[in-house]
Amino acid sequence: MSELNLQVTIDQDSGFCFGVVYAIDMAEEILAEDGYLYCLGDIVHNDEEVSRLKALGLRIIDHTDLANLYNEKVLIRAHGEAPETYRLALEHNITLIDASCPVVLKLQNRIKTSYDNKEQILIFGKHGHAEVVGLQGQTNGEAVVFQDIAELDNADLPASFTLYSQTTKSMEKFYSVKDELLARGYEVKANDTICRQVSNRDKDLPAFAAKFNKVVFVSGKKSSNGKVLFEVCRKHNPDTYFVSSLDELDPGMFSENDKVGIAGATSTPMWLMQQVKAKLESF
């Protein structure tokens, strides 16, 4: 096969957000000291990075495992946890290494305050997502979670409520949800709680994506933020490919002398994007 001579550029604004960097730094420090560490759920929604940390001794557990664990250290990842997790840890003499993202913690506090003030709460977020479970936990599970406005079509909603959002949702979608609820006649107190590190990428990515013949968007399949940012890329460059690992790259995706941009989610490690770049340059 002839050489493609691809010109490949990594988006320097892509890669881990500070919340993820903080959690991984904490984990690496303890792994270097103790040789192992329990983590409640995947530390980041990226299988390649999780595999790297598992090789260093990270042990991923779920809430069922936590209930059977005593006298150990457990890392809480950037997504945060519900109050129940902290109560259980106290009962089981578990030391929690709390790497909850400050943006998520602030949101948890705001939701808890709203709940304590007897406000009805709606959360625009992905069902079952770790962050959303933690947010709903601040309301004893009473907040209404929806990921699509259509879910509220036949819902029995109060006349007035407070609207919050998962931190990694698209700002554009959040505001269109708010406008739609106002148009339906509800009294909505809306709190834009979207992380600016995420929303700024929404703003910067279009210009980046438009500069290239093709874009390779690198992200874990479970990353909510990855799905949002991939769609942003694809909107501004239809020739955008979603890949999670190196073996998904194929020379057939590219033409000779293509200019290729590489971008990623807030949960995509820079080392993985660099490996993707090296592989593309080898074609």
C-alpha atoms as a PDB file:
ATOM      1  CA  MET A   1       0.000   0.000   0.000  1.00  0.00           C
ATOM      2  CA  SER A   2       1.334   3.482  -0.852  1.00  0.00           C
ATOM      3  CA  GLU A   3       2.058   5.914   1.963  1.00  0.00           C
ATOM      4  CA  LEU A   4      -0.768   8.303   2.822  1.00  0.00           C
ATOM      5  CA  ASN A   5       1.498  11.088   4.164  1.00  0.00           C
ATOM      6  CA  LEU A   6      -1.139  12.292   6.623  1.00  0.00           C
ATOM      7  CA  GLN A   7      -0.560  15.617   8.397  1.00  0.00           C
ATOM      8  CA  VAL A   8      -1.806  15.024  11.927  1.00  0.00           C
ATOM      9  CA  THR A   9      -2.523  17.621  14.624  1.00  0.00           C
ATOM     10  CA  ILE A  10      -3.756  17.022  18.199  1.00  0.00           C
ATOM     11  CA  ASP A  11      -6.172  19.562  19.679  1.00  0.00           C
ATOM     12  CA  GLN A  12      -4.197  20.919  22.638  1.00  0.00           C
ATOM     13  CA  ASP A  13      -7.409  21.844  24.467  1.00  0.00           C
ATOM     14  CA  SER A  14      -8.576  18.205  24.425  1.00  0.00           C
ATOM     15  CA  GLY A  15      -7.791  15.658  27.097  1.00  0.00           C
ATOM     16  CA  PHE A  16      -8.434  15.374  30.825  1.00  0.00           C
ATOM     17  CA  CYS A  17     -10.280  18.120  32.659  1.00  0.00           C
ATOM     18  CA  PHE A  18      -8.850  19.164  36.047  1.00  0.00           C
ATOM     19  CA  GLY A  19     -11.344  16.959  37.937  1.00  0.00           C
ATOM     20  CA  VAL A  20     -10.066  13.823  36.222  1.00  0.00           C
ATOM     21  CA  VAL A  21      -6.393  14.863  36.536  1.00  0.00           C
ATOM     22  CA  TYR A  22      -6.948  15.371  40.275  1.00  0.00           C
ATOM     23  CA  ALA A  23      -8.541  11.918  40.734  1.00  0.00           C
ATOM     24  CA  ILE A  24      -5.837  10.110  38.731  1.00  0.00           C
ATOM     25  CA  ASP A  25      -2.995  11.951  40.511  1.00  0.00           C
ATOM     26  CA  MET A  26      -4.481  10.934  43.865  1.00  0.00           C
ATOM     27  CA  ALA A  27      -4.841   7.310  42.745  1.00  0.00           C
ATOM     28  CA  GLU A  28      -1.277   7.118  41.398  1.00  0.00           C
ATOM     29  CA  GLU A  29       0.145   8.536  44.615  1.00  0.00           C
ATOM     30  CA  ILE A  30      -1.579   5.921  46.794  1.00  0.00           C
ATOM     31  CA  LEU A  31      -0.815   3.091  44.346  1.00  0.00           C
ATOM     32  CA  ALA A  32       2.888   4.011  44.509  1.00  0.00           C
ATOM     33  CA  GLU A  33       2.759   3.859  48.334  1.00  0.00           C
ATOM     34  CA  ASP A  34       0.394   0.930  49.003  1.00  0.00           C
ATOM     35  CA  GLY A  35       0.570  -1.138  45.808  1.00  0.00           C
ATOM     36  CA  TYR A  36      -3.237  -1.301  45.504  1.00  0.00           C
ATOM     37  CA  LEU A  37      -6.314   0.879  45.905  1.00  0.00           C
ATOM     38  CA  TYR A  38     -10.050   0.282  45.631  1.00  0.00           C
ATOM     39  CA  CYS A  39     -12.003   2.661  43.395  1.00  0.00           C
ATOM     40  CA  LEU A  40     -15.793   2.929  43.444  1.00  0.00           C
ATOM     41  CA  GLY A  41     -16.721   2.622  39.751  1.00  0.00           C
ATOM     42  CA  ASP A  42     -14.454   3.301  36.762  1.00  0.00           C
ATOM     43  CA  ILE A  43     -12.113   6.132  37.744  1.00  0.00           C
ATOM     44  CA  VAL A  44     -12.706   7.663  34.315  1.00  0.00           C
ATOM     45  CA  HIS A  45     -14.970   6.692  31.406  1.00  0.00           C
ATOM     46  CA  ASN A  46     -12.042   5.492  29.324  1.00  0.00           C
ATOM     47  CA  ASP A  47     -11.228   1.767  29.157  1.00  0.00           C
ATOM     48  CA  GLU A  48      -7.628   2.301  28.017  1.00  0.00           C
ATOM     49  CA  GLU A  49      -6.791   4.552  30.983  1.00  0.00           C
ATOM     50  CA  VAL A  50      -8.613   2.234  33.399  1.00  0.00           C
ATOM     51  CA  SER A  51      -6.509  -0.711  32.102  1.00  0.00           C
ATOM     52  CA  ARG A  52      -3.313   1.290  32.636  1.00  0.00           C
ATOM     53  CA  LEU A  53      -4.246   2.024  36.267  1.00  0.00           C
ATOM     54  CA  LYS A  54      -5.438  -1.534  36.924  1.00  0.00           C
ATOM     55  CA  ALA A  55      -1.949  -2.699  35.933  1.00  0.00           C
ATOM     56  CA  LEU A  56      -0.622  -0.430  38.715  1.00  0.00           C
ATOM     57  CA  GLY A  57      -2.964  -2.074  41.262  1.00  0.00           C
ATOM     58  CA  LEU A  58      -6.258  -0.182  40.987  1.00  0.00           C
ATOM     59  CA  ARG A  59      -9.203  -2.421  41.912  1.00  0.00           C
ATOM     60  CA  ILE A  60     -12.555  -1.303  40.531  1.00  0.00           C
ATOM     61  CA  ILE A  61     -15.518  -2.153  42.777  1.00  0.00           C
ATOM     62  CA  ASP A  62     -19.242  -1.379  42.739  1.00  0.00           C
ATOM     63  CA  HIS A  63     -21.653  -0.482  45.561  1.00  0.00           C
ATOM     64  CA  THR A  64     -22.409  -4.153  46.272  1.00  0.00           C
ATOM     65  CA  ASP A  65     -18.688  -4.830  46.803  1.00  0.00           C
ATOM     66  CA  LEU A  66     -18.446  -1.739  49.004  1.00  0.00           C
ATOM     67  CA  ALA A  67     -21.131  -3.134  51.319  1.00  0.00           C
ATOM     68  CA  ASN A  68     -18.847  -6.156  51.970  1.00  0.00           C
ATOM     69  CA  LEU A  69     -15.639  -4.180  52.459  1.00  0.00           C
ATOM     70  CA  TYR A  70     -14.138  -3.188  55.833  1.00  0.00           C
ATOM     71  CA  ASN A  71     -11.059  -1.256  57.046  1.00  0.00           C
ATOM     72  CA  GLU A  72      -9.816  -0.320  53.562  1.00  0.00           C
ATOM     73  CA  LYS A  73      -9.104   2.813  51.536  1.00  0.00           C
ATOM     74  CA  VAL A  74     -11.576   3.569  48.737  1.00  0.00           C
ATOM     75  CA  LEU A  75     -11.275   6.294  46.130  1.00  0.00           C
ATOM     76  CA  ILE A  76     -14.347   8.312  45.180  1.00  0.00           C
ATOM     77  CA  ARG A  77     -13.877   9.445  41.591  1.00  0.00           C
ATOM     78  CA  ALA A  78     -14.576  12.870  40.082  1.00  0.00           C
ATOM     79  CA  HIS A  79     -18.299  12.090  39.495  1.00  0.00           C
ATOM     80  CA  GLY A  80     -19.019  12.280  43.242  1.00  0.00           C
ATOM     81  CA  GLU A  81     -21.231  10.057  45.416  1.00  0.00           C
ATOM     82  CA  ALA A  82     -24.563  10.116  47.224  1.00  0.00           C
ATOM     83  CA  PRO A  83     -24.673  10.679  51.040  1.00  0.00           C
ATOM     84  CA  GLU A  84     -25.435   6.955  51.542  1.00  0.00           C
ATOM     85  CA  THR A  85     -21.886   6.038  50.433  1.00  0.00           C
ATOM     86  CA  TYR A  86     -20.351   8.259  53.127  1.00  0.00           C
ATOM     87  CA  ARG A  87     -22.635   6.759  55.795  1.00  0.00           C
ATOM     88  CA  LEU A  88     -21.671   3.219  54.806  1.00  0.00           C
ATOM     89  CA  ALA A  89     -17.958   4.090  54.830  1.00  0.00           C
ATOM     90  CA  LEU A  90     -18.244   5.352  58.421  1.00  0.00           C
ATOM     91  CA  GLU A  91     -19.989   2.161  59.526  1.00  0.00           C
ATOM     92  CA  HIS A  92     -17.354  -0.051  57.840  1.00  0.00           C
ATOM     93  CA  ASN A  93     -14.308   1.938  58.941  1.00  0.00           C
ATOM     94  CA  ILE A  94     -13.487   2.689  55.295  1.00  0.00           C
ATOM     95  CA  THR A  95     -11.173   5.619  54.591  1.00  0.00           C
ATOM     96  CA  LEU A  96     -12.595   7.532  51.665  1.00  0.00           C
ATOM     97  CA  ILE A  97     -10.102   9.218  49.363  1.00  0.00           C
ATOM     98  CA  ASP A  98     -12.477  11.834  48.027  1.00  0.00           C
ATOM     99  CA  ALA A  99     -11.541  12.970  44.531  1.00  0.00           C
ATOM    100  CA  SER A 100     -15.008  14.359  43.759  1.00  0.00           C
ATOM    101  CA  CYS A 101     -14.682  17.194  41.246  1.00  0.00           C
ATOM    102  CA  PRO A 102     -15.135  20.613  42.955  1.00  0.00           C
ATOM    103  CA  VAL A 103     -17.670  21.584  40.249  1.00  0.00           C
ATOM    104  CA  VAL A 104     -19.743  18.476  41.067  1.00  0.00           C
ATOM    105  CA  LEU A 105     -19.473  19.056  44.848  1.00  0.00           C
ATOM    106  CA  LYS A 106     -20.702  22.635  44.434  1.00  0.00           C
ATOM    107  CA  LEU A 107     -23.660  21.355  42.412  1.00  0.00           C
ATOM    108  CA  GLN A 108     -24.442  18.689  45.042  1.00  0.00           C
ATOM    109  CA  ASN A 109     -24.527  21.426  47.691  1.00  0.00           C
ATOM    110  CA  ARG A 110     -26.830  23.618  45.626  1.00  0.00           C
ATOM    111  CA  ILE A 111     -29.248  20.743  45.043  1.00  0.00           C
ATOM    112  CA  LYS A 112     -29.171  19.804  48.735  1.00  0.00           C
ATOM    113  CA  THR A 113     -29.959  23.423  49.700  1.00  0.00           C
ATOM    114  CA  SER A 114     -32.855  23.547  47.216  1.00  0.00           C
ATOM    115  CA  TYR A 115     -34.152  20.264  48.600  1.00  0.00           C
ATOM    116  CA  ASP A 116     -33.878  21.474  52.200  1.00  0.00           C
ATOM    117  CA  ASN A 117     -35.828  24.572  51.129  1.00  0.00           C
ATOM    118  CA  LYS A 118     -38.646  22.255  49.967  1.00  0.00           C
ATOM    119  CA  GLU A 119     -38.173  23.126  46.276  1.00  0.00           C
ATOM    120  CA  GLN A 120     -39.328  20.628  43.627  1.00  0.00           C
ATOM    121  CA  ILE A 121     -36.230  19.598  41.655  1.00  0.00           C
ATOM    122  CA  LEU A 122     -35.713  18.489  38.054  1.00  0.00           C
ATOM    123  CA  ILE A 123     -32.310  17.267  36.885  1.00  0.00           C
ATOM    124  CA  PHE A 124     -31.432  17.237  33.185  1.00  0.00           C
ATOM    125  CA  GLY A 125     -29.018  14.307  33.048  1.00  0.00           C
ATOM    126  CA  LYS A 126     -28.353  10.769  31.931  1.00  0.00           C
ATOM    127  CA  HIS A 127     -30.278   8.051  33.806  1.00  0.00           C
ATOM    128  CA  GLY A 128     -27.978   5.898  35.912  1.00  0.00           C
ATOM    129  CA  HIS A 129     -24.884   8.062  35.291  1.00  0.00           C
ATOM    130  CA  ALA A 130     -22.620   8.114  38.373  1.00  0.00           C
ATOM    131  CA  GLU A 131     -22.786  11.893  38.723  1.00  0.00           C
ATOM    132  CA  VAL A 132     -26.577  11.934  38.385  1.00  0.00           C
ATOM    133  CA  VAL A 133     -26.985   9.158  40.978  1.00  0.00           C
ATOM    134  CA  GLY A 134     -24.926  11.300  43.389  1.00  0.00           C
ATOM    135  CA  LEU A 135     -27.037  14.375  42.619  1.00  0.00           C
ATOM    136  CA  GLN A 136     -30.321  12.543  43.071  1.00  0.00           C
ATOM    137  CA  GLY A 137     -28.971  11.197  46.350  1.00  0.00           C
ATOM    138  CA  GLN A 138     -28.946  14.761  47.726  1.00  0.00           C
ATOM    139  CA  THR A 139     -32.765  14.708  47.450  1.00  0.00           C
ATOM    140  CA  ASN A 140     -33.386  11.231  48.943  1.00  0.00           C
ATOM    141  CA  GLY A 141     -34.079  10.096  45.387  1.00  0.00           C
ATOM    142  CA  GLU A 142     -37.016  12.505  45.020  1.00  0.00           C
ATOM    143  CA  ALA A 143     -35.657  14.698  42.187  1.00  0.00           C
ATOM    144  CA  VAL A 144     -37.074  13.966  38.735  1.00  0.00           C
ATOM    145  CA  VAL A 145     -34.288  12.973  36.332  1.00  0.00           C
ATOM    146  CA  PHE A 146     -34.819  13.202  32.574  1.00  0.00           C
ATOM    147  CA  GLN A 147     -32.381  12.994  29.685  1.00  0.00           C
ATOM    148  CA  ASP A 148     -34.817  14.030  27.000  1.00  0.00           C
ATOM    149  CA  ILE A 149     -37.643  16.593  27.107  1.00  0.00           C
ATOM    150  CA  ALA A 150     -40.033  14.019  25.585  1.00  0.00           C
ATOM    151  CA  GLU A 151     -39.868  12.078  28.880  1.00  0.00           C
ATOM    152  CA  LEU A 152     -41.738  14.961  30.523  1.00  0.00           C
ATOM    153  CA  ASP A 153     -44.621  14.994  28.001  1.00  0.00           C
ATOM    154  CA  ASN A 154     -46.974  12.996  30.224  1.00  0.00           C
ATOM    155  CA  ALA A 155     -45.188  13.528  33.532  1.00  0.00           C
ATOM    156  CA  ASP A 156     -47.153  14.870  36.474  1.00  0.00           C
ATOM    157  CA  LEU A 157     -45.002  17.915  37.218  1.00  0.00           C
ATOM    158  CA  PRO A 158     -45.633  20.653  39.803  1.00  0.00           C
ATOM    159  CA  ALA A 159     -46.473  24.145  38.488  1.00  0.00           C
ATOM    160  CA  SER A 160     -43.116  25.523  39.615  1.00  0.00           C
ATOM    161  CA  PHE A 161     -39.742  23.837  40.090  1.00  0.00           C
ATOM    162  CA  THR A 162     -35.996  24.313  40.083  1.00  0.00           C
ATOM    163  CA  LEU A 163     -34.071  22.970  37.086  1.00  0.00           C
ATOM    164  CA  TYR A 164     -30.485  21.710  37.368  1.00  0.00           C
ATOM    165  CA  SER A 165     -28.187  19.990  34.899  1.00  0.00           C
ATOM    166  CA  GLN A 166     -25.525  17.307  34.993  1.00  0.00           C
ATOM    167  CA  THR A 167     -22.208  19.192  34.663  1.00  0.00           C
ATOM    168  CA  THR A 168     -21.252  17.619  31.307  1.00  0.00           C
ATOM    169  CA  LYS A 169     -24.449  18.319  29.386  1.00  0.00           C
ATOM    170  CA  SER A 170     -24.505  20.567  26.318  1.00  0.00           C
ATOM    171  CA  MET A 171     -25.288  24.189  27.236  1.00  0.00           C
ATOM    172  CA  GLU A 172     -27.298  24.623  24.046  1.00  0.00           C
ATOM    173  CA  LYS A 173     -29.510  21.636  24.977  1.00  0.00           C
ATOM    174  CA  PHE A 174     -29.931  22.836  28.566  1.00  0.00           C
ATOM    175  CA  TYR A 175     -31.201  26.245  27.468  1.00  0.00           C
ATOM    176  CA  SER A 176     -33.521  24.753  24.848  1.00  0.00           C
ATOM    177  CA  VAL A 177     -34.972  22.466  27.576  1.00  0.00           C
ATOM    178  CA  LYS A 178     -35.476  25.481  29.854  1.00  0.00           C
ATOM    179  CA  ASP A 179     -37.198  27.478  27.069  1.00  0.00           C
ATOM    180  CA  GLU A 180     -39.441  24.531  26.188  1.00  0.00           C
ATOM    181  CA  LEU A 181     -40.540  24.114  29.839  1.00  0.00           C
ATOM    182  CA  LEU A 182     -41.281  27.851  30.103  1.00  0.00           C
ATOM    183  CA  ALA A 183     -43.259  27.621  26.841  1.00  0.00           C
ATOM    184  CA  ARG A 184     -45.297  24.804  28.392  1.00  0.00           C
ATOM    185  CA  GLY A 185     -46.362  27.235  31.116  1.00  0.00           C
ATOM    186  CA  TYR A 186     -44.225  26.054  34.040  1.00  0.00           C
ATOM    187  CA  GLU A 187     -42.546  28.447  36.425  1.00  0.00           C
ATOM    188  CA  VAL A 188     -38.896  27.442  36.079  1.00  0.00           C
ATOM    189  CA  LYS A 189     -35.996  28.545  38.243  1.00  0.00           C
ATOM    190  CA  ALA A 190     -33.080  27.437  36.063  1.00  0.00           C
ATOM    191  CA  ASN A 191     -29.550  26.888  37.360  1.00  0.00           C
ATOM    192  CA  ASP A 192     -26.924  26.565  34.649  1.00  0.00           C
ATOM    193  CA  THR A 193     -24.529  24.176  36.402  1.00  0.00           C
ATOM    194  CA  ILE A 194     -22.613  23.047  33.324  1.00  0.00           C
ATOM    195  CA  CYS A 195     -18.858  22.851  33.764  1.00  0.00           C
ATOM    196  CA  ARG A 196     -17.164  25.669  31.864  1.00  0.00           C
ATOM    197  CA  GLN A 197     -14.235  23.428  30.967  1.00  0.00           C
ATOM    198  CA  VAL A 198     -16.760  21.329  29.061  1.00  0.00           C
ATOM    199  CA  SER A 199     -18.793  24.202  27.592  1.00  0.00           C
ATOM    200  CA  ASN A 200     -15.647  26.058  26.468  1.00  0.00           C
ATOM    201  CA  ARG A 201     -14.706  23.001  24.417  1.00  0.00           C
ATOM    202  CA  ASP A 202     -18.147  23.208  22.796  1.00  0.00           C
ATOM    203  CA  LYS A 203     -17.103  26.712  21.737  1.00  0.00           C
ATOM    204  CA  ASP A 204     -13.529  25.949  20.605  1.00  0.00           C
ATOM    205  CA  LEU A 205     -14.085  22.621  18.850  1.00  0.00           C
ATOM    206  CA  PRO A 206     -16.060  23.897  15.819  1.00  0.00           C
ATOM    207  CA  ALA A 207     -13.125  26.035  14.628  1.00  0.00           C
ATOM    208  CA  PHE A 208     -10.698  23.151  15.235  1.00  0.00           C
ATOM    209  CA  ALA A 209     -12.834  20.567  13.402  1.00  0.00           C
ATOM    210  CA  ALA A 210     -13.386  22.809  10.392  1.00  0.00           C
ATOM    211  CA  LYS A 211      -9.633  23.121   9.742  1.00  0.00           C
ATOM    212  CA  PHE A 212      -9.166  19.477   8.672  1.00  0.00           C
ATOM    213  CA  ASN A 213     -10.185  17.044   5.921  1.00  0.00           C
ATOM    214  CA  LYS A 214     -10.926  14.408   8.599  1.00  0.00           C
ATOM    215  CA  VAL A 215     -11.242  14.428  12.380  1.00  0.00           C
ATOM    216  CA  VAL A 216     -10.560  11.446  14.643  1.00  0.00           C
ATOM    217  CA  PHE A 217     -12.458  11.873  17.907  1.00  0.00           C
ATOM    218  CA  VAL A 218     -10.948   9.685  20.628  1.00  0.00           C
ATOM    219  CA  SER A 219     -13.202   8.773  23.553  1.00  0.00           C
ATOM    220  CA  GLY A 220     -14.448   5.948  25.728  1.00  0.00           C
ATOM    221  CA  LYS A 221     -17.863   4.644  24.670  1.00  0.00           C
ATOM    222  CA  LYS A 222     -19.293   5.302  28.164  1.00  0.00           C
ATOM    223  CA  SER A 223     -18.291   8.979  28.252  1.00  0.00           C
ATOM    224  CA  SER A 224     -21.333  11.319  28.224  1.00  0.00           C
ATOM    225  CA  ASN A 225     -19.088  14.261  27.527  1.00  0.00           C
ATOM    226  CA  GLY A 226     -17.452  12.298  24.693  1.00  0.00           C
ATOM    227  CA  LYS A 227     -20.827  11.820  22.990  1.00  0.00           C
ATOM    228  CA  VAL A 228     -21.627  15.539  23.267  1.00  0.00           C
ATOM    229  CA  LEU A 229     -18.240  16.701  21.931  1.00  0.00           C
ATOM    230  CA  PHE A 230     -18.205  14.111  19.135  1.00  0.00           C
ATOM    231  CA  GLU A 231     -21.537  15.512  17.889  1.00  0.00           C
ATOM    232  CA  VAL A 232     -20.088  19.040  18.003  1.00  0.00           C
ATOM    233  CA  CYS A 233     -17.155  17.862  15.855  1.00  0.00           C
ATOM    234  CA  ARG A 234     -19.372  15.981  13.430  1.00  0.00           C
ATOM    235  CA  LYS A 235     -21.696  18.961  12.998  1.00  0.00           C
ATOM    236  CA  HIS A 236     -18.758  21.097  11.830  1.00  0.00           C
ATOM    237  CA  ASN A 237     -16.930  18.325   9.994  1.00  0.00           C
ATOM    238  CA  PRO A 238     -19.089  15.414   8.733  1.00  0.00           C
ATOM    239  CA  ASP A 239     -15.904  13.374   8.158  1.00  0.00           C
ATOM    240  CA  THR A 240     -15.425  12.793  11.902  1.00  0.00           C
ATOM    241  CA  TYR A 241     -14.701   9.287  13.184  1.00  0.00           C
ATOM    242  CA  PHE A 242     -15.364   8.126  16.769  1.00  0.00           C
ATOM    243  CA  VAL A 243     -12.638   5.734  17.984  1.00  0.00           C
ATOM    244  CA  SER A 244     -11.984   4.246  21.414  1.00  0.00           C
ATOM    245  CA  SER A 245      -8.795   2.302  20.685  1.00  0.00           C
ATOM    246  CA  LEU A 246      -5.965   2.067  18.151  1.00  0.00           C
ATOM    247  CA  ASP A 247      -7.318  -1.049  16.461  1.00  0.00           C
ATOM    248  CA  GLU A 248     -10.359   0.903  15.261  1.00  0.00           C
ATOM    249  CA  LEU A 249      -8.141   2.981  12.960  1.00  0.00           C
ATOM    250  CA  ASP A 250      -8.036   1.913   9.320  1.00  0.00           C
ATOM    251  CA  PRO A 251      -6.035   3.408   6.429  1.00  0.00           C
ATOM    252  CA  GLY A 252      -9.236   3.127   4.348  1.00  0.00           C
ATOM    253  CA  MET A 253     -10.717   6.019   6.358  1.00  0.00           C
ATOM    254  CA  PHE A 254      -8.193   8.449   4.853  1.00  0.00           C
ATOM    255  CA  SER A 255      -6.987   9.784   1.515  1.00  0.00           C
ATOM    256  CA  GLU A 256      -3.471  10.741   0.476  1.00  0.00           C
ATOM    257  CA  ASN A 257      -2.140  13.963   2.070  1.00  0.00           C
ATOM    258  CA  ASP A 258      -5.238  14.378   4.283  1.00  0.00           C
ATOM    259  CA  LYS A 259      -4.950  16.905   7.056  1.00  0.00           C
ATOM    260  CA  VAL A 260      -6.258  15.064  10.133  1.00  0.00           C
ATOM    261  CA  GLY A 261      -7.250  16.599  13.459  1.00  0.00           C
ATOM    262  CA  ILE A 262      -7.360  14.546  16.675  1.00  0.00           C
ATOM    263  CA  ALA A 263      -9.678  15.642  19.473  1.00  0.00           C
ATOM    264  CA  GLY A 264     -10.935  13.956  22.628  1.00  0.00           C
ATOM    265  CA  ALA A 265     -13.281  14.087  25.595  1.00  0.00           C
ATOM    266  CA  THR A 266     -12.521  15.400  29.094  1.00  0.00           C
ATOM    267  CA  SER A 267     -11.986  11.724  29.966  1.00  0.00           C
ATOM    268  CA  THR A 268      -9.517  10.990  27.133  1.00  0.00           C
ATOM    269  CA  PRO A 269      -5.847  10.724  28.169  1.00  0.00           C
ATOM    270  CA  MET A 270      -3.326  12.719  26.133  1.00  0.00           C
ATOM    271  CA  TRP A 271      -1.085   9.623  25.877  1.00  0.00           C
ATOM    272  CA  LEU A 272      -3.851   7.831  23.963  1.00  0.00           C
ATOM    273  CA  MET A 273      -4.270  10.730  21.522  1.00  0.00           C
ATOM    274  CA  GLN A 274      -0.502  10.706  21.001  1.00  0.00           C
ATOM    275  CA  GLN A 275      -0.613   6.967  20.206  1.00  0.00           C
ATOM    276  CA  VAL A 276      -3.430   7.609  17.711  1.00  0.00           C
ATOM    277  CA  LYS A 277      -1.291  10.323  16.096  1.00  0.00           C
ATOM    278  CA  ALA A 278       1.708   7.963  15.825  1.00  0.00           C
ATOM    279  CA  LYS A 279      -0.431   5.250  14.257  1.00  0.00           C
ATOM    280  CA  LEU A 280      -1.951   7.640  11.698  1.00  0.00           C
ATOM    281  CA  GLU A 281       1.512   8.902  10.785  1.00  0.00           C
ATOM    282  CA  SER A 282       2.610   5.306  10.224  1.00  0.00           C
ATOM    283  CA  PHE A 283      -0.004   4.767   7.478  1.00  0.00           C
END
